[in-house]
Protein backbone atom coordinates (compact mmCIF):
# COMPACT_ATOMS: atom_id res chain seq x y z
CA MET A 1 -42.78 -25.82 77.94
CA ARG A 2 -41.74 -25.12 74.37
CA PRO A 3 -41.27 -28.21 72.20
CA TRP A 4 -37.66 -28.98 71.34
CA ARG A 5 -36.82 -28.58 67.70
CA ARG A 6 -33.69 -29.95 66.13
CA PRO A 7 -31.74 -27.06 64.59
CA LEU A 8 -31.06 -27.10 60.88
CA SER A 9 -27.67 -28.33 59.83
CA ILE A 10 -25.14 -25.99 58.28
CA ARG A 11 -25.51 -27.85 54.99
CA THR A 12 -29.27 -27.29 54.99
CA ARG A 13 -28.89 -23.64 55.97
CA LEU A 14 -26.30 -23.06 53.26
CA THR A 15 -28.59 -24.67 50.69
CA LEU A 16 -31.56 -22.60 51.84
CA TRP A 17 -29.58 -19.38 51.85
CA TYR A 18 -28.10 -20.11 48.44
CA SER A 19 -31.50 -21.06 47.01
CA GLY A 20 -33.19 -18.03 48.55
CA LEU A 21 -30.58 -15.62 47.21
CA LEU A 22 -30.72 -17.28 43.80
CA LEU A 23 -34.51 -17.07 43.77
CA LEU A 24 -34.36 -13.40 44.72
CA GLY A 25 -31.79 -12.75 42.00
CA LEU A 26 -33.81 -14.60 39.36
CA VAL A 27 -37.01 -12.80 40.35
CA VAL A 28 -35.28 -9.42 40.08
CA ILE A 29 -33.67 -10.33 36.75
CA GLY A 30 -36.96 -11.77 35.47
CA ALA A 31 -38.89 -8.66 36.48
CA LEU A 32 -36.32 -6.40 34.84
CA SER A 33 -36.31 -8.58 31.71
CA TYR A 34 -40.11 -8.47 31.57
CA ARG A 35 -40.13 -4.69 31.89
CA VAL A 36 -37.41 -4.29 29.24
CA LEU A 37 -39.26 -6.62 26.87
CA ALA A 38 -42.56 -4.79 27.36
CA TRP A 39 -40.86 -1.42 26.88
CA SER A 40 -39.02 -2.61 23.79
CA LEU A 41 -42.17 -4.04 22.21
CA ALA A 42 -44.14 -0.88 22.98
CA ARG A 43 -41.36 1.23 21.48
CA ASP A 44 -41.35 -0.90 18.31
CA VAL A 45 -45.13 -0.59 18.04
CA ASP A 46 -44.98 3.20 18.36
CA ALA A 47 -42.17 3.44 15.81
CA SER A 48 -44.14 1.30 13.35
CA LEU A 49 -47.31 3.38 13.81
CA LEU A 50 -45.36 6.57 13.25
CA ALA A 51 -43.85 5.24 10.02
CA VAL A 52 -47.27 4.28 8.63
CA ALA A 53 -48.83 7.62 9.66
CA GLN A 54 -46.05 9.59 7.98
CA VAL A 55 -46.54 7.64 4.73
CA ILE A 56 -50.28 8.27 4.85
CA ARG A 57 -49.73 11.96 5.46
CA ASP A 58 -47.16 12.28 2.69
CA THR A 59 -49.50 10.67 0.08
CA GLY A 60 -52.43 13.02 0.82
CA HIS A 61 -53.95 15.56 -1.62
CA ALA A 62 -52.27 18.92 -1.27
CA ARG A 63 -55.38 21.03 -1.80
CA THR A 64 -57.99 19.50 0.45
CA GLY A 65 -55.86 17.24 2.52
CA PHE A 66 -58.07 14.26 1.64
CA LEU A 67 -57.04 11.31 -0.47
CA ARG A 68 -58.14 11.28 -4.09
CA GLU A 69 -57.75 7.59 -4.78
CA PRO A 70 -60.88 5.46 -4.52
CA ASP A 71 -58.85 2.69 -2.84
CA PRO A 72 -56.29 4.45 -0.62
CA GLU A 73 -55.58 1.26 1.35
CA GLY A 74 -54.35 -0.40 -1.81
CA VAL A 75 -52.02 2.50 -2.46
CA PHE A 76 -50.64 2.32 1.07
CA ARG A 77 -50.19 -1.43 0.77
CA GLN A 78 -48.10 -0.92 -2.33
CA VAL A 79 -45.92 1.60 -0.48
CA LEU A 80 -45.74 -0.08 2.93
CA GLY A 81 -45.99 -3.74 1.96
CA GLY A 82 -46.26 -6.03 4.99
CA GLU A 83 -45.97 -3.10 7.38
CA LEU A 84 -49.72 -2.48 6.94
CA LEU A 85 -50.91 -6.04 7.47
CA ASP A 86 -51.58 -5.71 11.19
CA LYS A 87 -52.49 -2.01 11.22
CA PHE A 88 -55.52 0.07 10.33
CA PHE A 89 -56.02 3.77 9.79
CA GLN A 90 -58.71 6.40 9.89
CA LEU A 91 -58.92 9.92 8.42
CA LEU A 92 -60.89 12.61 10.25
CA ASP A 93 -62.01 16.07 9.19
CA PRO A 94 -61.21 19.16 11.29
CA GLN A 95 -64.35 18.57 13.33
CA GLY A 96 -63.19 15.05 14.20
CA GLN A 97 -65.73 13.24 11.99
CA PRO A 98 -64.48 10.11 10.21
CA ASN A 99 -63.94 10.56 6.49
CA ARG A 100 -62.20 7.43 5.33
CA ARG A 101 -61.06 4.40 7.25
CA SER A 102 -59.24 1.16 6.74
CA ALA A 103 -61.28 -1.81 5.64
CA ARG A 104 -60.00 -3.70 8.69
CA LEU A 105 -61.93 -1.36 10.94
CA GLY A 106 -65.27 -2.23 9.40
CA ASN A 107 -68.03 -0.41 11.21
CA ARG A 108 -65.79 0.32 14.14
CA ALA A 109 -64.29 3.76 14.64
CA LEU A 110 -61.38 5.22 16.51
CA SER A 111 -62.35 8.06 18.79
CA LEU A 112 -60.49 11.34 18.87
CA SER A 113 -59.72 12.14 22.46
CA ALA A 114 -59.63 15.64 23.88
CA GLU A 115 -55.93 15.30 24.60
CA ALA A 116 -55.18 14.26 21.01
CA ARG A 117 -57.21 17.24 19.70
CA ARG A 118 -55.34 19.66 21.96
CA ASN A 119 -51.98 18.26 20.91
CA ALA A 120 -53.00 18.39 17.24
CA THR A 121 -53.76 22.10 17.43
CA ARG A 122 -50.12 22.57 18.41
CA GLY A 123 -48.97 20.27 15.63
CA ALA A 124 -47.93 17.52 18.06
CA ARG A 125 -48.61 13.82 17.72
CA THR A 126 -50.31 11.71 20.41
CA PHE A 127 -49.82 8.05 21.31
CA GLU A 128 -52.69 6.44 23.23
CA THR A 129 -53.90 3.02 24.26
CA ALA A 130 -57.64 2.71 23.87
CA PRO A 131 -60.25 -0.08 23.61
CA LEU A 132 -62.18 -0.85 20.44
CA ALA A 133 -65.64 -2.30 20.30
CA GLY A 134 -65.49 -5.80 21.73
CA GLY A 135 -62.89 -4.86 24.29
CA GLU A 136 -59.84 -5.25 22.04
CA ARG A 137 -57.01 -3.01 23.22
CA VAL A 138 -55.25 -1.06 20.51
CA ARG A 139 -52.37 1.37 20.33
CA VAL A 140 -53.40 4.55 18.43
CA LEU A 141 -51.28 7.35 16.98
CA THR A 142 -52.95 10.64 16.07
CA ILE A 143 -51.09 13.21 13.94
CA PRO A 144 -52.48 16.37 12.33
CA VAL A 145 -52.19 17.55 8.73
CA LEU A 146 -51.55 21.27 8.99
CA ARG A 147 -52.14 24.07 6.56
CA ASP A 148 -51.29 27.63 7.48
CA GLY A 149 -50.62 26.40 10.99
CA ARG A 150 -54.13 24.94 11.39
CA PRO A 151 -55.12 21.26 11.31
CA VAL A 152 -57.17 20.46 8.22
CA GLU A 153 -57.17 16.74 8.74
CA PHE A 154 -56.35 14.14 11.41
CA ILE A 155 -54.68 10.86 10.63
CA GLN A 156 -55.10 8.02 13.12
CA VAL A 157 -53.18 4.78 12.79
CA GLY A 158 -53.87 1.90 15.16
CA MET A 159 -52.60 -1.53 15.88
CA SER A 160 -53.99 -4.29 18.05
CA LEU A 161 -51.94 -5.05 21.15
CA ALA A 162 -53.07 -8.67 21.23
CA ARG A 163 -49.82 -10.00 19.77
CA VAL A 164 -47.71 -7.82 22.07
CA GLU A 165 -49.71 -8.85 25.10
CA ASP A 166 -49.56 -12.47 24.01
CA ALA A 167 -45.74 -12.23 23.69
CA THR A 168 -45.33 -10.69 27.12
CA ARG A 169 -47.76 -13.21 28.62
CA ARG A 170 -45.85 -16.15 27.14
CA PHE A 171 -42.59 -14.65 28.37
CA LEU A 172 -44.09 -14.34 31.86
CA GLN A 173 -45.33 -17.93 31.74
CA LEU A 174 -41.86 -19.03 30.69
CA LEU A 175 -40.40 -17.20 33.68
CA PHE A 176 -42.86 -18.92 36.02
CA VAL A 177 -41.63 -22.26 34.72
CA LEU A 178 -37.91 -21.61 34.36
CA VAL A 179 -37.31 -19.73 37.63
CA PRO A 180 -38.62 -22.50 39.94
CA LEU A 181 -36.93 -25.11 37.77
CA GLY A 182 -33.63 -23.23 37.92
CA VAL A 183 -33.93 -22.73 41.68
CA GLY A 184 -34.75 -26.40 42.19
CA LEU A 185 -31.78 -27.56 40.13
CA ALA A 186 -29.51 -25.04 41.85
CA ALA A 187 -30.77 -26.16 45.28
CA ALA A 188 -30.02 -29.80 44.43
CA GLY A 189 -26.58 -28.86 43.12
CA GLY A 190 -25.96 -26.59 46.09
CA ALA A 191 -26.91 -29.35 48.53
CA TRP A 192 -24.51 -31.74 46.80
CA ILE A 193 -21.72 -29.14 46.79
CA ALA A 194 -22.36 -28.25 50.44
CA ARG A 195 -22.25 -31.93 51.39
CA ALA A 196 -18.99 -32.44 49.51
CA ALA A 197 -17.48 -29.25 50.94
CA LEU A 198 -18.49 -30.00 54.52
CA ALA A 199 -17.57 -33.68 54.45
CA PRO A 200 -14.03 -32.93 55.72
CA VAL A 201 -15.56 -30.94 58.59
CA GLY A 202 -17.61 -33.97 59.58
CA GLU A 203 -14.50 -36.11 59.41
CA MET A 204 -12.66 -33.63 61.63
CA ALA A 205 -15.53 -33.67 64.14
CA HIS A 206 -15.54 -37.48 64.15
CA ARG A 207 -11.80 -37.55 64.73
CA ALA A 208 -12.02 -34.85 67.43
CA ARG A 209 -14.68 -36.84 69.32
CA ARG A 210 -12.27 -39.74 69.58
CA ILE A 211 -9.68 -37.54 71.29
CA SER A 212 -10.07 -37.66 75.07
CA ALA A 213 -8.26 -36.09 77.97
CA GLU A 214 -6.41 -39.38 78.51
CA ASP A 215 -4.87 -39.24 75.03
CA LEU A 216 -4.36 -35.73 73.68
CA ARG A 217 -1.49 -36.75 71.43
CA GLN A 218 -3.77 -37.44 68.48
CA ARG A 219 -4.25 -34.71 65.91
CA VAL A 220 -6.77 -33.85 63.21
CA PRO A 221 -5.26 -34.69 59.80
CA GLU A 222 -4.60 -31.84 57.39
CA ARG A 223 -5.28 -32.31 53.67
CA GLY A 224 -2.45 -30.08 52.49
CA THR A 225 -4.72 -27.85 50.38
CA ARG A 226 -3.94 -24.78 52.53
CA ASP A 227 -7.56 -23.67 52.35
CA GLU A 228 -10.02 -22.75 55.11
CA LEU A 229 -10.47 -26.39 56.11
CA ASP A 230 -6.74 -26.82 56.54
CA TYR A 231 -6.71 -23.61 58.57
CA LEU A 232 -9.48 -25.07 60.76
CA ALA A 233 -7.55 -28.32 61.20
CA GLU A 234 -4.40 -26.37 62.05
CA THR A 235 -6.32 -24.31 64.60
CA LEU A 236 -7.79 -27.45 66.19
CA ASN A 237 -4.36 -29.05 66.35
CA GLU A 238 -2.91 -25.96 67.99
CA MET A 239 -5.74 -26.02 70.52
CA LEU A 240 -5.13 -29.72 71.17
CA GLY A 241 -1.45 -28.95 71.65
CA ARG A 242 -2.28 -26.28 74.21
CA LEU A 243 -4.71 -28.63 75.95
CA GLU A 244 -2.09 -31.37 76.01
CA ALA A 245 0.42 -28.96 77.53
CA ALA A 246 -2.15 -27.70 80.03
CA PHE A 247 -3.17 -31.20 81.08
CA GLY A 248 0.48 -32.17 81.36
CA THR A 249 1.13 -29.17 83.57
CA LEU A 250 -1.92 -29.99 85.65
CA ARG A 251 -0.82 -33.60 86.10
CA ARG A 252 2.68 -32.52 87.10
CA PHE A 253 1.27 -29.91 89.44
CA THR A 254 -1.07 -32.45 91.04
CA ALA A 255 1.74 -34.96 91.46
CA ASP A 256 4.10 -32.32 92.87
CA ALA A 257 1.42 -30.99 95.20
CA ALA A 258 0.68 -34.50 96.44
CA HIS A 259 4.40 -35.08 97.00
CA GLU A 260 4.82 -31.77 98.83
CA LEU A 261 1.85 -32.53 101.05
CA ARG A 262 2.97 -36.09 101.70
CA THR A 263 6.42 -35.06 102.92
CA PRO A 264 5.33 -33.03 106.00
CA LEU A 265 2.50 -35.46 106.69
CA THR A 266 4.97 -38.36 106.67
CA ALA A 267 7.31 -36.48 108.98
CA LEU A 268 4.43 -35.52 111.26
CA LYS A 269 3.09 -39.07 111.39
CA GLY A 270 6.55 -40.57 111.92
CA GLY A 271 7.37 -38.23 114.80
CA LEU A 272 4.08 -38.95 116.53
CA GLU A 273 4.43 -42.71 116.05
CA VAL A 274 7.95 -42.68 117.52
CA ALA A 275 6.75 -40.62 120.48
CA LEU A 276 3.95 -43.12 121.19
CA ARG A 277 6.04 -46.28 121.05
CA SER A 278 7.32 -45.90 124.58
CA PRO A 279 6.89 -43.55 127.52
CA ARG A 280 8.77 -40.30 127.14
CA SER A 281 9.72 -37.49 129.39
CA ALA A 282 7.85 -34.21 129.29
CA ALA A 283 10.78 -32.56 127.52
CA GLU A 284 10.81 -35.21 124.81
CA TYR A 285 7.05 -34.92 124.32
CA GLU A 286 7.43 -31.15 124.10
CA ARG A 287 10.16 -31.53 121.46
CA VAL A 288 7.96 -33.89 119.40
CA LEU A 289 5.02 -31.51 119.67
CA ARG A 290 7.16 -28.56 118.59
CA GLU A 291 8.47 -30.49 115.60
CA SER A 292 4.91 -31.53 114.77
CA LEU A 293 3.79 -27.92 115.04
CA ASP A 294 6.54 -26.91 112.60
CA GLU A 295 5.27 -29.48 110.12
CA VAL A 296 1.69 -28.25 110.60
CA ASP A 297 2.86 -24.71 109.94
CA ARG A 298 4.60 -25.91 106.80
CA LEU A 299 1.38 -27.62 105.69
CA GLY A 300 -0.55 -24.43 106.38
CA ARG A 301 1.86 -22.33 104.34
CA LEU A 302 1.71 -24.84 101.50
CA ALA A 303 -2.10 -24.91 101.53
CA GLU A 304 -2.24 -21.11 101.60
CA ASP A 305 0.25 -20.86 98.73
CA LEU A 306 -1.74 -23.36 96.67
CA LEU A 307 -4.89 -21.34 97.25
CA VAL A 308 -3.19 -18.08 96.30
CA LEU A 309 -1.66 -19.67 93.19
CA SER A 310 -5.02 -21.05 92.08
CA ARG A 311 -6.70 -17.68 92.61
CA ALA A 312 -3.95 -15.74 90.85
CA THR A 313 -3.83 -18.15 87.90
CA ALA A 314 -7.59 -17.90 87.37
CA GLY A 315 -7.45 -14.11 87.71
CA SER A 316 -10.87 -14.18 89.33
CA GLY A 317 -11.90 -12.43 92.48
CA LEU A 318 -9.35 -9.63 92.13
CA VAL A 319 -10.71 -6.36 93.50
CA ARG A 320 -9.16 -3.83 91.16
CA ALA A 321 -8.57 -0.24 92.21
CA ARG A 322 -5.89 2.42 92.02
CA VAL A 323 -2.72 1.21 93.72
CA ASP A 324 0.29 3.39 94.48
CA LEU A 325 3.37 1.23 94.17
CA GLU A 326 5.75 3.31 96.28
CA PRO A 327 4.18 2.31 99.66
CA LEU A 328 4.24 -1.35 98.56
CA VAL A 329 7.93 -1.09 97.68
CA LEU A 330 8.68 0.49 101.07
CA GLU A 331 6.66 -2.23 102.81
CA ALA A 332 8.63 -4.93 100.95
CA LEU A 333 11.86 -3.12 101.88
CA ASP A 334 10.92 -3.22 105.55
CA LEU A 335 10.11 -6.93 105.30
CA GLY A 336 13.42 -7.62 103.58
CA ALA A 337 15.34 -5.72 106.29
CA ARG A 338 13.68 -7.83 109.00
CA LEU A 339 14.36 -11.07 107.13
CA ALA A 340 18.00 -10.09 106.56
CA HIS A 341 18.60 -9.12 110.20
CA GLY A 342 21.53 -11.12 111.51
CA THR A 343 22.33 -12.74 108.14
CA GLY A 344 24.88 -10.22 106.94
CA VAL A 345 22.72 -9.31 103.90
CA VAL A 346 22.13 -5.62 103.22
CA VAL A 347 18.69 -4.65 101.96
CA ARG A 348 18.56 -1.14 100.52
CA LEU A 349 16.35 1.14 98.44
CA GLY A 350 17.46 2.35 95.03
CA ALA A 351 15.90 5.03 92.85
CA VAL A 352 12.18 5.48 93.44
CA GLU A 353 9.77 7.29 91.13
CA PRO A 354 6.08 7.50 92.16
CA ALA A 355 3.83 5.33 89.99
CA ALA A 356 0.24 4.10 90.21
CA VAL A 357 -1.40 1.12 88.55
CA THR A 358 -4.78 -0.60 88.52
CA GLY A 359 -4.94 -3.81 90.51
CA GLU A 360 -5.45 -5.44 93.85
CA GLN A 361 -3.17 -4.04 96.54
CA ALA A 362 -2.99 -7.23 98.61
CA ALA A 363 -2.02 -9.37 95.59
CA LEU A 364 0.65 -6.93 94.43
CA SER A 365 2.00 -6.72 97.97
CA ARG A 366 2.22 -10.53 98.06
CA LEU A 367 4.12 -10.46 94.74
CA LEU A 368 6.76 -8.02 96.04
CA ARG A 369 7.10 -9.88 99.35
CA ASN A 370 7.77 -13.13 97.49
CA LEU A 371 10.45 -11.48 95.37
CA VAL A 372 12.18 -9.93 98.38
CA GLU A 373 11.97 -13.15 100.44
CA ASN A 374 13.43 -15.09 97.52
CA ALA A 375 16.27 -12.55 97.08
CA VAL A 376 17.20 -12.52 100.78
CA ARG A 377 16.96 -16.32 101.02
CA TYR A 378 19.45 -16.95 98.21
CA THR A 379 21.90 -14.13 98.91
CA PRO A 380 24.86 -15.12 101.08
CA ALA A 381 26.32 -12.99 103.88
CA GLY A 382 27.90 -9.78 102.63
CA GLY A 383 25.54 -9.62 99.68
CA ILE A 384 23.12 -6.82 98.72
CA VAL A 385 19.42 -6.80 97.86
CA GLU A 386 18.18 -3.59 96.23
CA LEU A 387 14.63 -2.48 95.43
CA SER A 388 13.85 0.28 92.94
CA LEU A 389 10.78 1.76 91.26
CA GLY A 390 10.59 3.70 88.01
CA THR A 391 8.59 4.23 84.81
CA ALA A 392 9.41 3.71 81.15
CA ASP A 393 7.30 3.60 77.97
CA GLY A 394 4.01 3.94 79.83
CA ALA A 395 4.81 1.15 82.31
CA ALA A 396 5.82 0.99 85.95
CA LEU A 397 8.99 -1.01 86.58
CA VAL A 398 9.64 -2.56 89.99
CA THR A 399 13.09 -4.15 90.23
CA VAL A 400 14.43 -6.50 92.90
CA ALA A 401 18.15 -7.11 92.33
CA ASP A 402 20.52 -9.20 94.44
CA THR A 403 24.13 -10.34 94.44
CA GLY A 404 23.21 -13.89 95.37
CA ILE A 405 24.02 -17.28 93.91
CA GLY A 406 22.38 -16.48 90.57
CA ILE A 407 20.60 -18.74 88.11
CA ASP A 408 21.78 -20.49 85.00
CA PRO A 409 20.06 -18.82 81.98
CA VAL A 410 18.86 -22.28 80.92
CA ASP A 411 16.79 -22.45 84.12
CA ALA A 412 15.52 -18.86 83.94
CA GLU A 413 11.98 -19.88 82.99
CA ARG A 414 11.83 -23.08 85.04
CA ILE A 415 12.02 -21.19 88.32
CA PHE A 416 8.53 -19.76 87.66
CA GLN A 417 7.00 -23.23 87.51
CA PRO A 418 5.31 -24.58 90.68
CA PHE A 419 7.45 -26.72 93.00
CA VAL A 420 10.61 -26.21 90.94
CA ARG A 421 13.68 -26.01 93.18
CA LEU A 422 17.06 -25.70 91.57
CA ASP A 423 18.68 -26.49 94.92
CA ALA A 424 16.25 -28.83 96.66
CA ALA A 425 18.33 -29.28 99.82
CA ARG A 426 18.78 -25.56 100.35
CA SER A 427 15.09 -24.91 99.68
CA HIS A 428 14.11 -27.42 102.32
CA GLU A 429 16.42 -25.80 104.81
CA THR A 430 14.89 -22.37 104.19
CA GLY A 431 11.36 -23.71 104.49
CA GLY A 432 10.27 -22.70 100.99
CA THR A 433 7.32 -24.38 99.29
CA GLY A 434 8.59 -23.88 95.73
CA LEU A 435 5.53 -21.74 94.90
CA GLY A 436 6.76 -18.22 95.62
CA LEU A 437 7.94 -17.27 92.13
CA ALA A 438 5.06 -19.17 90.48
CA ILE A 439 2.61 -17.13 92.57
CA ALA A 440 4.49 -13.91 91.75
CA ARG A 441 4.31 -14.48 87.99
CA SER A 442 0.66 -15.56 88.16
CA ILE A 443 -0.22 -12.33 89.98
CA ALA A 444 1.70 -10.30 87.40
CA LEU A 445 -0.11 -12.00 84.52
CA ALA A 446 -3.49 -11.56 86.24
CA HIS A 447 -2.76 -7.81 86.29
CA GLY A 448 -1.84 -7.77 82.61
CA GLY A 449 1.85 -7.36 83.37
CA THR A 450 5.03 -9.38 83.11
CA LEU A 451 7.65 -10.71 85.51
CA THR A 452 11.06 -11.48 84.04
CA VAL A 453 14.48 -12.39 85.38
CA ALA A 454 18.00 -11.67 84.19
CA SER A 455 20.62 -13.71 85.95
CA ALA A 456 23.90 -15.58 85.71
CA PRO A 457 25.50 -18.06 88.13
CA LYS A 458 27.41 -16.47 91.04
CA THR A 459 26.63 -12.92 89.84
CA GLY A 460 23.14 -12.42 91.24
CA SER A 461 19.68 -11.98 89.75
CA ARG A 462 17.48 -9.09 88.71
CA PHE A 463 13.70 -9.59 88.76
CA THR A 464 11.66 -6.94 86.91
CA LEU A 465 7.91 -6.45 87.30
CA ARG A 466 6.28 -4.42 84.49
CA LEU A 467 2.75 -3.06 84.90
CA ALA A 468 0.79 -0.51 82.88
CA VAL A 469 0.59 2.85 84.67
CA LEU A 470 -2.55 4.91 85.08
């Protein structure tokens, strides 16, 4: 079993990420700065060597190419001044043998490399880094003195790289000190900033923990800064609002369901108790049993409707496949005709255009049956119920229109809520559970569609189901 490790907090992770990125940035900048410094110093050294070598070449004897003065270094010092303090020179004959050299060289000599000799024959100068006796690294410039296109003398000017290397080494040491120090200070500052920035989040979490399902009216306070934290608080408050509405709906649904279940159970119990109080005839017992059976049937329908509503609302368990709507419309038409038989209501078919959707055939059939049953139930004698099927804007439209009692526009959305009956007495007479339209809309939403109603009192209603076509 792996040991449990407490995950790092957001504040710690932000600090680590910030410090890591800063360290990476400082390392890259430090490396680039080091390379630029080293390149700049090397370029200055080469430029200084070239200046000294040109002065030495320009003060040479025109006939032999060698210097006539007994103390050439003194002459160069007068011309170059401090430029010669840290440099030394050496003059070589065409065979590469030393002729004169700077006093600073002593018994040491600068060697003439094969590459420098080859370049000199072409009149080109050569910059090299070579060791002297004792291991001292020096930068050497070799330039030829030409006559008739041939080198008659070689001038070598050198300079120790100890000061340059010491400067770059001290710069590198400074980086090794300043970079960790800067990262440490930035990490401390970043941790403080992260703590200050995330403090409101902790306060929101503390406030959210105090909000329970029993009291969803509380809200997370907003600071009024209109920043990301206010956006988070606003989002949490919107979620709490939705939860409050959902819990309220659930409580109402539970109370309504309990009431709807209690009514037939009370009637069933009362009828049985009355029948058992005194001896009855067989006909009376039969009547009580039939009434009890009616109440049991009502309970069964209610339980089935509750199950269908729960399944449709969750949208789970739907077996989706291609569904042709025309046979479902014809099936609903046949059901409506049978329900309207003997009531004086005419059920007819309007315009029909073939259309197919993706969904569960049984659920969609239940939706259309509920709409037709509702239309027939609330249409008086002499009225008309019409079913039609068409397509528009990439959607299939199934319409169930009636000339019934109609609905006040104010109540147009309420009728899709569970157990809502605008005419409770009439609904009880017709045996409705108050779940038909709620189930119909839930099935429509589970299929990604919509179910709407357009109605007015005493003019009838038009229910429209819209589903995306294949």
